[in-house]
Amino acid sequence: MSPRSQGGEGLDPAALAMARMLGGAVVFQIVHAIVRARAKPAPTPADAVDRGFRLHLRLVGLSFLGVAANQALFLAGLRLTTPFGVALLGAAIPVVTAALAVLFRVEPLRATTAVGLALALSGVLVITGVGSVDKGALLVAVNCVAYSAYIVFSRNTIRGLGAVAFMAWVFTYGAILFAPLGAAPLARALPAMSTRGLLYVAYILAVPTVAAYLLNAWALGRSGPVLVTVYIYTQPVITALIAYVQLGQGVTWRTLGAGALILAGVAVVSSRHFGGPAARRG
């Protein structure tokens, strides 16, 4: 999305989001078709659920939260702020997920959740600003809430449908929902893209889209939503290193202070998963 003078392609965030959704839908539908073709001819429970009208309505809602709104807000915010700031806000996702899980009675309320949420929200306010708002960071903060809701609400659907089928439909519906906003920018961008730009998009489709979403869905089918998102806290460290090496971007004291608050909140929330009875039994 950076200008070509800075080593980028100047790609519109909406065009990139559309490319991710459309490419993800095609890849996941092909994989889903292969998996179904190799299955036994007799209908399975997953096949029966797959045909359910109510299930597909749920998938449309999840696709809006986890794909359409998530990617659009994330990319638009990333264009307006720094990668490290975005990664720090993303680190608050486990805490927001914990709060939503409690609110919707997916998990019980604990003191650690309340304390962790307070710390993380303090860090988010430091990054986004109070008097002078960082619009990019604010968009990413809203994105974090949308993605956290997607994590909380998708677990049972993934278990009933399977990770591959779930991702196939979520990306398909996400592409349909986002097409009115993203189809035209993508159509305008494609003819002007260089070979390097196409390789960039192919990488973004293969790694942070197909691989990341599929592995996340696989993990959600086997664990709780809060524990799965806890591993997001590794992103700020990795992002800071890559942003420094590739983009030459440093880290401000304000960002470091905000990061300390967010990661402290994550640590408080995650401590009950790694140190509690369930963790010891594992």
C-alpha atoms as a PDB file:
ATOM      1  CA  MET A   1       0.000   0.000   0.000  1.00  0.00           C
ATOM      2  CA  SER A   2       3.017   2.309   0.280  1.00  0.00           C
ATOM      3  CA  PRO A   3       3.859   4.547  -2.707  1.00  0.00           C
ATOM      4  CA  ARG A   4       6.135   3.049  -5.349  1.00  0.00           C
ATOM      5  CA  SER A   5       8.776   5.608  -4.445  1.00  0.00           C
ATOM      6  CA  GLN A   6       8.987   3.869  -1.061  1.00  0.00           C
ATOM      7  CA  GLY A   7       9.141   0.340  -2.480  1.00  0.00           C
ATOM      8  CA  GLY A   8       5.418  -0.354  -2.501  1.00  0.00           C
ATOM      9  CA  GLU A   9       2.732  -0.475  -5.179  1.00  0.00           C
ATOM     10  CA  GLY A  10       0.432   2.324  -4.024  1.00  0.00           C
ATOM     11  CA  LEU A  11      -2.374  -0.233  -3.814  1.00  0.00           C
ATOM     12  CA  ASP A  12      -5.691   1.001  -2.419  1.00  0.00           C
ATOM     13  CA  PRO A  13      -6.618  -0.741   0.891  1.00  0.00           C
ATOM     14  CA  ALA A  14     -10.036  -1.654  -0.511  1.00  0.00           C
ATOM     15  CA  ALA A  15      -8.416  -3.295  -3.547  1.00  0.00           C
ATOM     16  CA  LEU A  16      -6.041  -5.312  -1.380  1.00  0.00           C
ATOM     17  CA  ALA A  17      -8.858  -6.366   0.954  1.00  0.00           C
ATOM     18  CA  MET A  18     -10.943  -7.451  -2.058  1.00  0.00           C
ATOM     19  CA  ALA A  19      -8.021  -9.435  -3.462  1.00  0.00           C
ATOM     20  CA  ARG A  20      -7.577 -11.228  -0.113  1.00  0.00           C
ATOM     21  CA  MET A  21     -11.261 -12.085   0.216  1.00  0.00           C
ATOM     22  CA  LEU A  22     -11.743 -13.158  -3.390  1.00  0.00           C
ATOM     23  CA  GLY A  23      -8.508 -15.152  -3.490  1.00  0.00           C
ATOM     24  CA  GLY A  24      -9.263 -16.765  -0.131  1.00  0.00           C
ATOM     25  CA  ALA A  25     -12.757 -17.713  -1.288  1.00  0.00           C
ATOM     26  CA  VAL A  26     -11.421 -19.388  -4.448  1.00  0.00           C
ATOM     27  CA  VAL A  27      -8.642 -21.283  -2.649  1.00  0.00           C
ATOM     28  CA  PHE A  28     -10.810 -22.468   0.233  1.00  0.00           C
ATOM     29  CA  GLN A  29     -13.697 -23.499  -2.043  1.00  0.00           C
ATOM     30  CA  ILE A  30     -11.307 -25.579  -4.179  1.00  0.00           C
ATOM     31  CA  VAL A  31      -9.835 -27.264  -1.099  1.00  0.00           C
ATOM     32  CA  HIS A  32     -13.339 -27.816   0.298  1.00  0.00           C
ATOM     33  CA  ALA A  33     -14.462 -29.417  -2.982  1.00  0.00           C
ATOM     34  CA  ILE A  34     -11.437 -31.746  -2.933  1.00  0.00           C
ATOM     35  CA  VAL A  35     -12.120 -32.761   0.669  1.00  0.00           C
ATOM     36  CA  ARG A  36     -15.798 -33.450  -0.091  1.00  0.00           C
ATOM     37  CA  ALA A  37     -14.902 -35.450  -3.202  1.00  0.00           C
ATOM     38  CA  ARG A  38     -12.630 -37.708  -1.177  1.00  0.00           C
ATOM     39  CA  ALA A  39     -15.241 -38.262   1.535  1.00  0.00           C
ATOM     40  CA  LYS A  40     -17.626 -41.193   1.575  1.00  0.00           C
ATOM     41  CA  PRO A  41     -20.735 -40.788  -0.629  1.00  0.00           C
ATOM     42  CA  ALA A  42     -23.079 -41.169   2.357  1.00  0.00           C
ATOM     43  CA  PRO A  43     -24.066 -37.810   3.914  1.00  0.00           C
ATOM     44  CA  THR A  44     -22.078 -36.903   7.013  1.00  0.00           C
ATOM     45  CA  PRO A  45     -23.164 -34.637   9.896  1.00  0.00           C
ATOM     46  CA  ALA A  46     -21.035 -31.875   8.398  1.00  0.00           C
ATOM     47  CA  ASP A  47     -22.844 -32.258   5.053  1.00  0.00           C
ATOM     48  CA  ALA A  48     -26.196 -31.948   6.765  1.00  0.00           C
ATOM     49  CA  VAL A  49     -25.117 -28.818   8.614  1.00  0.00           C
ATOM     50  CA  ASP A  50     -23.612 -27.429   5.418  1.00  0.00           C
ATOM     51  CA  ARG A  51     -27.072 -27.373   3.820  1.00  0.00           C
ATOM     52  CA  GLY A  52     -28.748 -25.665   6.749  1.00  0.00           C
ATOM     53  CA  PHE A  53     -30.257 -22.259   6.014  1.00  0.00           C
ATOM     54  CA  ARG A  54     -29.761 -21.037   9.570  1.00  0.00           C
ATOM     55  CA  LEU A  55     -26.132 -22.070   9.492  1.00  0.00           C
ATOM     56  CA  HIS A  56     -25.499 -20.019   6.369  1.00  0.00           C
ATOM     57  CA  LEU A  57     -27.119 -16.983   7.958  1.00  0.00           C
ATOM     58  CA  ARG A  58     -24.688 -17.444  10.857  1.00  0.00           C
ATOM     59  CA  LEU A  59     -21.814 -17.780   8.389  1.00  0.00           C
ATOM     60  CA  VAL A  60     -22.812 -14.501   6.717  1.00  0.00           C
ATOM     61  CA  GLY A  61     -22.652 -12.736  10.089  1.00  0.00           C
ATOM     62  CA  LEU A  62     -19.303 -14.326  10.934  1.00  0.00           C
ATOM     63  CA  SER A  63     -17.918 -13.439   7.508  1.00  0.00           C
ATOM     64  CA  PHE A  64     -18.828  -9.795   8.090  1.00  0.00           C
ATOM     65  CA  LEU A  65     -17.072  -9.726  11.477  1.00  0.00           C
ATOM     66  CA  GLY A  66     -14.048 -11.868  10.682  1.00  0.00           C
ATOM     67  CA  VAL A  67     -13.398 -11.151   7.007  1.00  0.00           C
ATOM     68  CA  ALA A  68     -15.183  -8.148   5.457  1.00  0.00           C
ATOM     69  CA  ALA A  69     -15.119  -5.648   8.347  1.00  0.00           C
ATOM     70  CA  ASN A  70     -11.952  -7.122   9.847  1.00  0.00           C
ATOM     71  CA  GLN A  71      -9.759  -6.841   6.768  1.00  0.00           C
ATOM     72  CA  ALA A  72     -11.204  -3.551   5.512  1.00  0.00           C
ATOM     73  CA  LEU A  73     -10.708  -1.783   8.861  1.00  0.00           C
ATOM     74  CA  PHE A  74      -7.293  -3.354   9.397  1.00  0.00           C
ATOM     75  CA  LEU A  75      -5.861  -2.342   6.017  1.00  0.00           C
ATOM     76  CA  ALA A  76      -7.394   1.142   6.093  1.00  0.00           C
ATOM     77  CA  GLY A  77      -5.975   1.696   9.577  1.00  0.00           C
ATOM     78  CA  LEU A  78      -2.576   0.269   8.662  1.00  0.00           C
ATOM     79  CA  ARG A  79      -2.254   2.765   5.823  1.00  0.00           C
ATOM     80  CA  LEU A  80      -2.751   5.654   8.270  1.00  0.00           C
ATOM     81  CA  THR A  81      -0.567   4.510  11.164  1.00  0.00           C
ATOM     82  CA  THR A  82       2.582   2.439  11.848  1.00  0.00           C
ATOM     83  CA  PRO A  83       2.850  -1.379  11.609  1.00  0.00           C
ATOM     84  CA  PHE A  84       4.153  -1.578  15.182  1.00  0.00           C
ATOM     85  CA  GLY A  85       1.198   0.410  16.522  1.00  0.00           C
ATOM     86  CA  VAL A  86      -1.165  -1.869  14.627  1.00  0.00           C
ATOM     87  CA  ALA A  87       0.532  -4.955  16.078  1.00  0.00           C
ATOM     88  CA  LEU A  88       0.258  -3.556  19.604  1.00  0.00           C
ATOM     89  CA  LEU A  89      -3.449  -2.922  19.153  1.00  0.00           C
ATOM     90  CA  GLY A  90      -3.782  -6.453  17.788  1.00  0.00           C
ATOM     91  CA  ALA A  91      -2.199  -7.703  20.996  1.00  0.00           C
ATOM     92  CA  ALA A  92      -5.273  -6.427  22.835  1.00  0.00           C
ATOM     93  CA  ILE A  93      -7.461  -8.921  20.963  1.00  0.00           C
ATOM     94  CA  PRO A  94      -7.087 -11.672  23.626  1.00  0.00           C
ATOM     95  CA  VAL A  95      -8.354  -9.280  26.290  1.00  0.00           C
ATOM     96  CA  VAL A  96     -11.282  -8.040  24.177  1.00  0.00           C
ATOM     97  CA  THR A  97     -12.056 -11.669  23.331  1.00  0.00           C
ATOM     98  CA  ALA A  98     -12.085 -12.531  27.037  1.00  0.00           C
ATOM     99  CA  ALA A  99     -14.452  -9.642  27.757  1.00  0.00           C
ATOM    100  CA  LEU A 100     -16.851 -10.679  24.971  1.00  0.00           C
ATOM    101  CA  ALA A 101     -16.638 -14.324  26.049  1.00  0.00           C
ATOM    102  CA  VAL A 102     -17.746 -13.262  29.535  1.00  0.00           C
ATOM    103  CA  LEU A 103     -20.433 -10.902  28.209  1.00  0.00           C
ATOM    104  CA  PHE A 104     -21.994 -13.638  26.080  1.00  0.00           C
ATOM    105  CA  ARG A 105     -21.475 -16.330  28.745  1.00  0.00           C
ATOM    106  CA  VAL A 106     -19.005 -18.370  26.748  1.00  0.00           C
ATOM    107  CA  GLU A 107     -16.595 -18.229  29.698  1.00  0.00           C
ATOM    108  CA  PRO A 108     -17.118 -17.240  33.366  1.00  0.00           C
ATOM    109  CA  LEU A 109     -16.204 -13.812  34.755  1.00  0.00           C
ATOM    110  CA  ARG A 110     -12.911 -13.641  36.665  1.00  0.00           C
ATOM    111  CA  ALA A 111     -11.081 -10.800  38.379  1.00  0.00           C
ATOM    112  CA  THR A 112      -8.102 -11.324  36.072  1.00  0.00           C
ATOM    113  CA  THR A 113     -10.305 -10.605  33.056  1.00  0.00           C
ATOM    114  CA  ALA A 114     -11.450  -7.264  34.498  1.00  0.00           C
ATOM    115  CA  VAL A 115      -7.929  -6.202  35.524  1.00  0.00           C
ATOM    116  CA  GLY A 116      -6.440  -7.289  32.191  1.00  0.00           C
ATOM    117  CA  LEU A 117      -9.141  -5.457  30.240  1.00  0.00           C
ATOM    118  CA  ALA A 118      -8.507  -2.237  32.194  1.00  0.00           C
ATOM    119  CA  LEU A 119      -4.758  -2.398  31.523  1.00  0.00           C
ATOM    120  CA  ALA A 120      -5.165  -3.203  27.831  1.00  0.00           C
ATOM    121  CA  LEU A 121      -7.772  -0.486  27.265  1.00  0.00           C
ATOM    122  CA  SER A 122      -5.433   2.025  28.911  1.00  0.00           C
ATOM    123  CA  GLY A 123      -2.762   1.049  26.402  1.00  0.00           C
ATOM    124  CA  VAL A 124      -5.208   1.327  23.516  1.00  0.00           C
ATOM    125  CA  LEU A 125      -6.161   4.859  24.619  1.00  0.00           C
ATOM    126  CA  VAL A 126      -2.486   5.835  24.756  1.00  0.00           C
ATOM    127  CA  ILE A 127      -1.990   4.707  21.137  1.00  0.00           C
ATOM    128  CA  THR A 128      -5.245   6.021  19.652  1.00  0.00           C
ATOM    129  CA  GLY A 129      -5.096   9.249  21.651  1.00  0.00           C
ATOM    130  CA  VAL A 130      -7.846  11.024  23.590  1.00  0.00           C
ATOM    131  CA  GLY A 131      -7.712  14.706  22.659  1.00  0.00           C
ATOM    132  CA  SER A 132      -6.010  14.187  19.295  1.00  0.00           C
ATOM    133  CA  VAL A 133      -7.175  10.887  17.844  1.00  0.00           C
ATOM    134  CA  ASP A 134      -4.966   8.751  15.592  1.00  0.00           C
ATOM    135  CA  LYS A 135      -7.563   7.810  12.964  1.00  0.00           C
ATOM    136  CA  GLY A 136      -5.566   4.832  11.738  1.00  0.00           C
ATOM    137  CA  ALA A 137      -5.176   3.411  15.232  1.00  0.00           C
ATOM    138  CA  LEU A 138      -8.875   4.010  15.915  1.00  0.00           C
ATOM    139  CA  LEU A 139      -9.847   2.006  12.813  1.00  0.00           C
ATOM    140  CA  VAL A 140      -7.583  -0.846  13.920  1.00  0.00           C
ATOM    141  CA  ALA A 141      -9.076  -0.716  17.432  1.00  0.00           C
ATOM    142  CA  VAL A 142     -12.572  -1.189  15.969  1.00  0.00           C
ATOM    143  CA  ASN A 143     -11.125  -3.976  13.830  1.00  0.00           C
ATOM    144  CA  CYS A 144      -9.882  -5.710  16.991  1.00  0.00           C
ATOM    145  CA  VAL A 145     -13.391  -5.680  18.474  1.00  0.00           C
ATOM    146  CA  ALA A 146     -14.876  -7.125  15.257  1.00  0.00           C
ATOM    147  CA  TYR A 147     -12.264  -9.876  15.075  1.00  0.00           C
ATOM    148  CA  SER A 148     -12.669 -10.722  18.764  1.00  0.00           C
ATOM    149  CA  ALA A 149     -16.417 -11.134  18.254  1.00  0.00           C
ATOM    150  CA  TYR A 150     -15.693 -13.393  15.280  1.00  0.00           C
ATOM    151  CA  ILE A 151     -13.409 -15.556  17.441  1.00  0.00           C
ATOM    152  CA  VAL A 152     -15.962 -15.879  20.243  1.00  0.00           C
ATOM    153  CA  PHE A 153     -18.946 -16.687  18.010  1.00  0.00           C
ATOM    154  CA  SER A 154     -17.238 -18.965  15.470  1.00  0.00           C
ATOM    155  CA  ARG A 155     -16.027 -21.775  17.740  1.00  0.00           C
ATOM    156  CA  ASN A 156     -19.188 -23.921  17.760  1.00  0.00           C
ATOM    157  CA  THR A 157     -19.764 -23.408  14.034  1.00  0.00           C
ATOM    158  CA  ILE A 158     -16.230 -24.566  13.231  1.00  0.00           C
ATOM    159  CA  ARG A 159     -16.682 -27.665  15.377  1.00  0.00           C
ATOM    160  CA  GLY A 160     -19.902 -28.569  13.591  1.00  0.00           C
ATOM    161  CA  LEU A 161     -18.781 -27.779  10.056  1.00  0.00           C
ATOM    162  CA  GLY A 162     -15.013 -28.367  10.028  1.00  0.00           C
ATOM    163  CA  ALA A 163     -12.235 -25.800   9.533  1.00  0.00           C
ATOM    164  CA  VAL A 164     -11.946 -26.092   5.724  1.00  0.00           C
ATOM    165  CA  ALA A 165     -15.691 -25.890   4.994  1.00  0.00           C
ATOM    166  CA  PHE A 166     -16.057 -23.055   7.489  1.00  0.00           C
ATOM    167  CA  MET A 167     -13.299 -20.989   5.870  1.00  0.00           C
ATOM    168  CA  ALA A 168     -14.641 -21.690   2.371  1.00  0.00           C
ATOM    169  CA  TRP A 169     -18.049 -20.220   3.196  1.00  0.00           C
ATOM    170  CA  VAL A 170     -16.799 -17.395   5.418  1.00  0.00           C
ATOM    171  CA  PHE A 171     -14.484 -16.100   2.696  1.00  0.00           C
ATOM    172  CA  THR A 172     -17.106 -16.577  -0.020  1.00  0.00           C
ATOM    173  CA  TYR A 173     -19.689 -14.565   1.870  1.00  0.00           C
ATOM    174  CA  GLY A 174     -17.043 -12.039   2.903  1.00  0.00           C
ATOM    175  CA  ALA A 175     -16.116 -11.449  -0.747  1.00  0.00           C
ATOM    176  CA  ILE A 176     -19.792 -11.014  -1.678  1.00  0.00           C
ATOM    177  CA  LEU A 177     -20.409  -8.560   1.163  1.00  0.00           C
ATOM    178  CA  PHE A 178     -17.319  -6.499   0.366  1.00  0.00           C
ATOM    179  CA  ALA A 179     -17.678  -6.530  -3.444  1.00  0.00           C
ATOM    180  CA  PRO A 180     -19.693  -3.249  -3.629  1.00  0.00           C
ATOM    181  CA  LEU A 181     -16.739  -1.464  -1.984  1.00  0.00           C
ATOM    182  CA  GLY A 182     -13.760  -3.450  -3.225  1.00  0.00           C
ATOM    183  CA  ALA A 183     -14.527  -4.803  -6.715  1.00  0.00           C
ATOM    184  CA  ALA A 184     -14.114  -1.504  -8.578  1.00  0.00           C
ATOM    185  CA  PRO A 185     -10.822  -0.481  -6.846  1.00  0.00           C
ATOM    186  CA  LEU A 186      -9.383  -3.946  -7.539  1.00  0.00           C
ATOM    187  CA  ALA A 187     -10.432  -3.811 -11.197  1.00  0.00           C
ATOM    188  CA  ARG A 188      -8.740  -0.410 -11.570  1.00  0.00           C
ATOM    189  CA  ALA A 189      -5.576  -1.539  -9.782  1.00  0.00           C
ATOM    190  CA  LEU A 190      -4.915  -4.842 -11.576  1.00  0.00           C
ATOM    191  CA  PRO A 191      -3.902  -3.454 -15.016  1.00  0.00           C
ATOM    192  CA  ALA A 192      -1.358  -1.084 -13.428  1.00  0.00           C
ATOM    193  CA  MET A 193       0.252  -3.629 -11.102  1.00  0.00           C
ATOM    194  CA  SER A 194       3.831  -4.700 -11.729  1.00  0.00           C
ATOM    195  CA  THR A 195       5.173  -8.247 -11.418  1.00  0.00           C
ATOM    196  CA  ARG A 196       6.542  -7.297  -8.023  1.00  0.00           C
ATOM    197  CA  GLY A 197       3.109  -6.073  -6.952  1.00  0.00           C
ATOM    198  CA  LEU A 198       1.457  -9.311  -8.051  1.00  0.00           C
ATOM    199  CA  LEU A 199       4.048 -11.276  -6.063  1.00  0.00           C
ATOM    200  CA  TYR A 200       3.324  -9.106  -3.003  1.00  0.00           C
ATOM    201  CA  VAL A 201      -0.390  -9.834  -3.293  1.00  0.00           C
ATOM    202  CA  ALA A 202       0.253 -13.551  -3.855  1.00  0.00           C
ATOM    203  CA  TYR A 203       2.335 -13.683  -0.670  1.00  0.00           C
ATOM    204  CA  ILE A 204      -0.329 -11.807   1.328  1.00  0.00           C
ATOM    205  CA  LEU A 205      -2.943 -14.246   0.034  1.00  0.00           C
ATOM    206  CA  ALA A 206      -0.887 -17.370   0.768  1.00  0.00           C
ATOM    207  CA  VAL A 207       0.558 -16.601   4.209  1.00  0.00           C
ATOM    208  CA  PRO A 208      -1.395 -14.048   6.298  1.00  0.00           C
ATOM    209  CA  THR A 209      -4.701 -14.934   4.615  1.00  0.00           C
ATOM    210  CA  VAL A 210      -5.058 -18.626   3.689  1.00  0.00           C
ATOM    211  CA  ALA A 211      -2.492 -20.117   6.085  1.00  0.00           C
ATOM    212  CA  ALA A 212      -3.242 -17.832   9.046  1.00  0.00           C
ATOM    213  CA  TYR A 213      -7.039 -18.053   8.846  1.00  0.00           C
ATOM    214  CA  LEU A 214      -7.035 -21.833   8.313  1.00  0.00           C
ATOM    215  CA  LEU A 215      -4.624 -22.510  11.184  1.00  0.00           C
ATOM    216  CA  ASN A 216      -6.608 -20.198  13.432  1.00  0.00           C
ATOM    217  CA  ALA A 217      -9.861 -22.013  12.589  1.00  0.00           C
ATOM    218  CA  TRP A 218      -8.174 -25.371  13.163  1.00  0.00           C
ATOM    219  CA  ALA A 219      -6.991 -24.212  16.597  1.00  0.00           C
ATOM    220  CA  LEU A 220     -10.406 -22.787  17.513  1.00  0.00           C
ATOM    221  CA  GLY A 221     -11.970 -26.169  16.834  1.00  0.00           C
ATOM    222  CA  ARG A 222      -9.673 -27.700  19.462  1.00  0.00           C
ATOM    223  CA  SER A 223      -9.329 -25.031  22.148  1.00  0.00           C
ATOM    224  CA  GLY A 224     -11.032 -22.040  23.779  1.00  0.00           C
ATOM    225  CA  PRO A 225     -11.259 -18.636  22.052  1.00  0.00           C
ATOM    226  CA  VAL A 226      -9.224 -16.747  24.671  1.00  0.00           C
ATOM    227  CA  LEU A 227      -6.351 -19.244  24.735  1.00  0.00           C
ATOM    228  CA  VAL A 228      -6.132 -19.213  20.933  1.00  0.00           C
ATOM    229  CA  THR A 229      -5.877 -15.425  20.762  1.00  0.00           C
ATOM    230  CA  VAL A 230      -3.295 -15.214  23.562  1.00  0.00           C
ATOM    231  CA  TYR A 231      -0.569 -16.092  21.058  1.00  0.00           C
ATOM    232  CA  ILE A 232      -1.212 -12.812  19.246  1.00  0.00           C
ATOM    233  CA  TYR A 233       1.036 -11.124  21.817  1.00  0.00           C
ATOM    234  CA  THR A 234       4.082 -12.368  19.852  1.00  0.00           C
ATOM    235  CA  GLN A 235       3.120 -10.089  16.938  1.00  0.00           C
ATOM    236  CA  PRO A 236       4.444  -6.753  18.293  1.00  0.00           C
ATOM    237  CA  VAL A 237       7.962  -8.132  18.742  1.00  0.00           C
ATOM    238  CA  ILE A 238       8.051  -9.724  15.279  1.00  0.00           C
ATOM    239  CA  THR A 239       6.448  -6.673  13.652  1.00  0.00           C
ATOM    240  CA  ALA A 240       8.847  -4.233  15.315  1.00  0.00           C
ATOM    241  CA  LEU A 241      11.856  -6.182  14.061  1.00  0.00           C
ATOM    242  CA  ILE A 242      10.561  -6.489  10.487  1.00  0.00           C
ATOM    243  CA  ALA A 243       9.355  -2.865  10.351  1.00  0.00           C
ATOM    244  CA  TYR A 244      12.779  -1.678  11.488  1.00  0.00           C
ATOM    245  CA  VAL A 245      14.689  -3.851   8.995  1.00  0.00           C
ATOM    246  CA  GLN A 246      12.392  -3.471   5.986  1.00  0.00           C
ATOM    247  CA  LEU A 247      10.793  -0.043   6.482  1.00  0.00           C
ATOM    248  CA  GLY A 248      13.352   1.691   8.709  1.00  0.00           C
ATOM    249  CA  GLN A 249      10.640   2.608  11.228  1.00  0.00           C
ATOM    250  CA  GLY A 250      11.653   3.176  14.833  1.00  0.00           C
ATOM    251  CA  VAL A 251       9.595   2.870  18.011  1.00  0.00           C
ATOM    252  CA  THR A 252       8.546   5.909  20.117  1.00  0.00           C
ATOM    253  CA  TRP A 253       8.428   6.021  23.917  1.00  0.00           C
ATOM    254  CA  ARG A 254       4.681   6.597  23.734  1.00  0.00           C
ATOM    255  CA  THR A 255       4.252   3.408  21.752  1.00  0.00           C
ATOM    256  CA  LEU A 256       6.503   1.484  24.130  1.00  0.00           C
ATOM    257  CA  GLY A 257       4.465   2.702  27.119  1.00  0.00           C
ATOM    258  CA  ALA A 258       1.211   1.745  25.425  1.00  0.00           C
ATOM    259  CA  GLY A 259       2.686  -1.623  24.514  1.00  0.00           C
ATOM    260  CA  ALA A 260       3.687  -2.272  28.119  1.00  0.00           C
ATOM    261  CA  LEU A 261       0.097  -1.636  29.280  1.00  0.00           C
ATOM    262  CA  ILE A 262      -1.446  -3.804  26.555  1.00  0.00           C
ATOM    263  CA  LEU A 263       0.952  -6.705  27.081  1.00  0.00           C
ATOM    264  CA  ALA A 264       0.491  -6.462  30.863  1.00  0.00           C
ATOM    265  CA  GLY A 265      -3.253  -6.822  30.324  1.00  0.00           C
ATOM    266  CA  VAL A 266      -2.696  -9.810  28.052  1.00  0.00           C
ATOM    267  CA  ALA A 267      -0.370 -11.394  30.616  1.00  0.00           C
ATOM    268  CA  VAL A 268      -2.962 -11.020  33.387  1.00  0.00           C
ATOM    269  CA  VAL A 269      -5.746 -12.549  31.288  1.00  0.00           C
ATOM    270  CA  SER A 270      -3.601 -15.372  29.908  1.00  0.00           C
ATOM    271  CA  SER A 271      -2.166 -16.314  33.317  1.00  0.00           C
ATOM    272  CA  ARG A 272      -5.375 -18.098  34.286  1.00  0.00           C
ATOM    273  CA  HIS A 273      -5.135 -20.263  31.150  1.00  0.00           C
ATOM    274  CA  PHE A 274      -1.526 -21.286  31.605  1.00  0.00           C
ATOM    275  CA  GLY A 275      -1.412 -21.444  35.384  1.00  0.00           C
ATOM    276  CA  GLY A 276      -4.903 -22.701  36.269  1.00  0.00           C
ATOM    277  CA  PRO A 277      -6.077 -26.254  36.920  1.00  0.00           C
ATOM    278  CA  ALA A 278      -6.962 -26.852  33.292  1.00  0.00           C
ATOM    279  CA  ALA A 279      -3.490 -25.886  32.168  1.00  0.00           C
ATOM    280  CA  ARG A 280      -1.858 -28.153  34.742  1.00  0.00           C
ATOM    281  CA  ARG A 281      -4.037 -31.061  33.659  1.00  0.00           C
ATOM    282  CA  GLY A 282      -2.847 -30.506  30.062  1.00  0.00           C
END
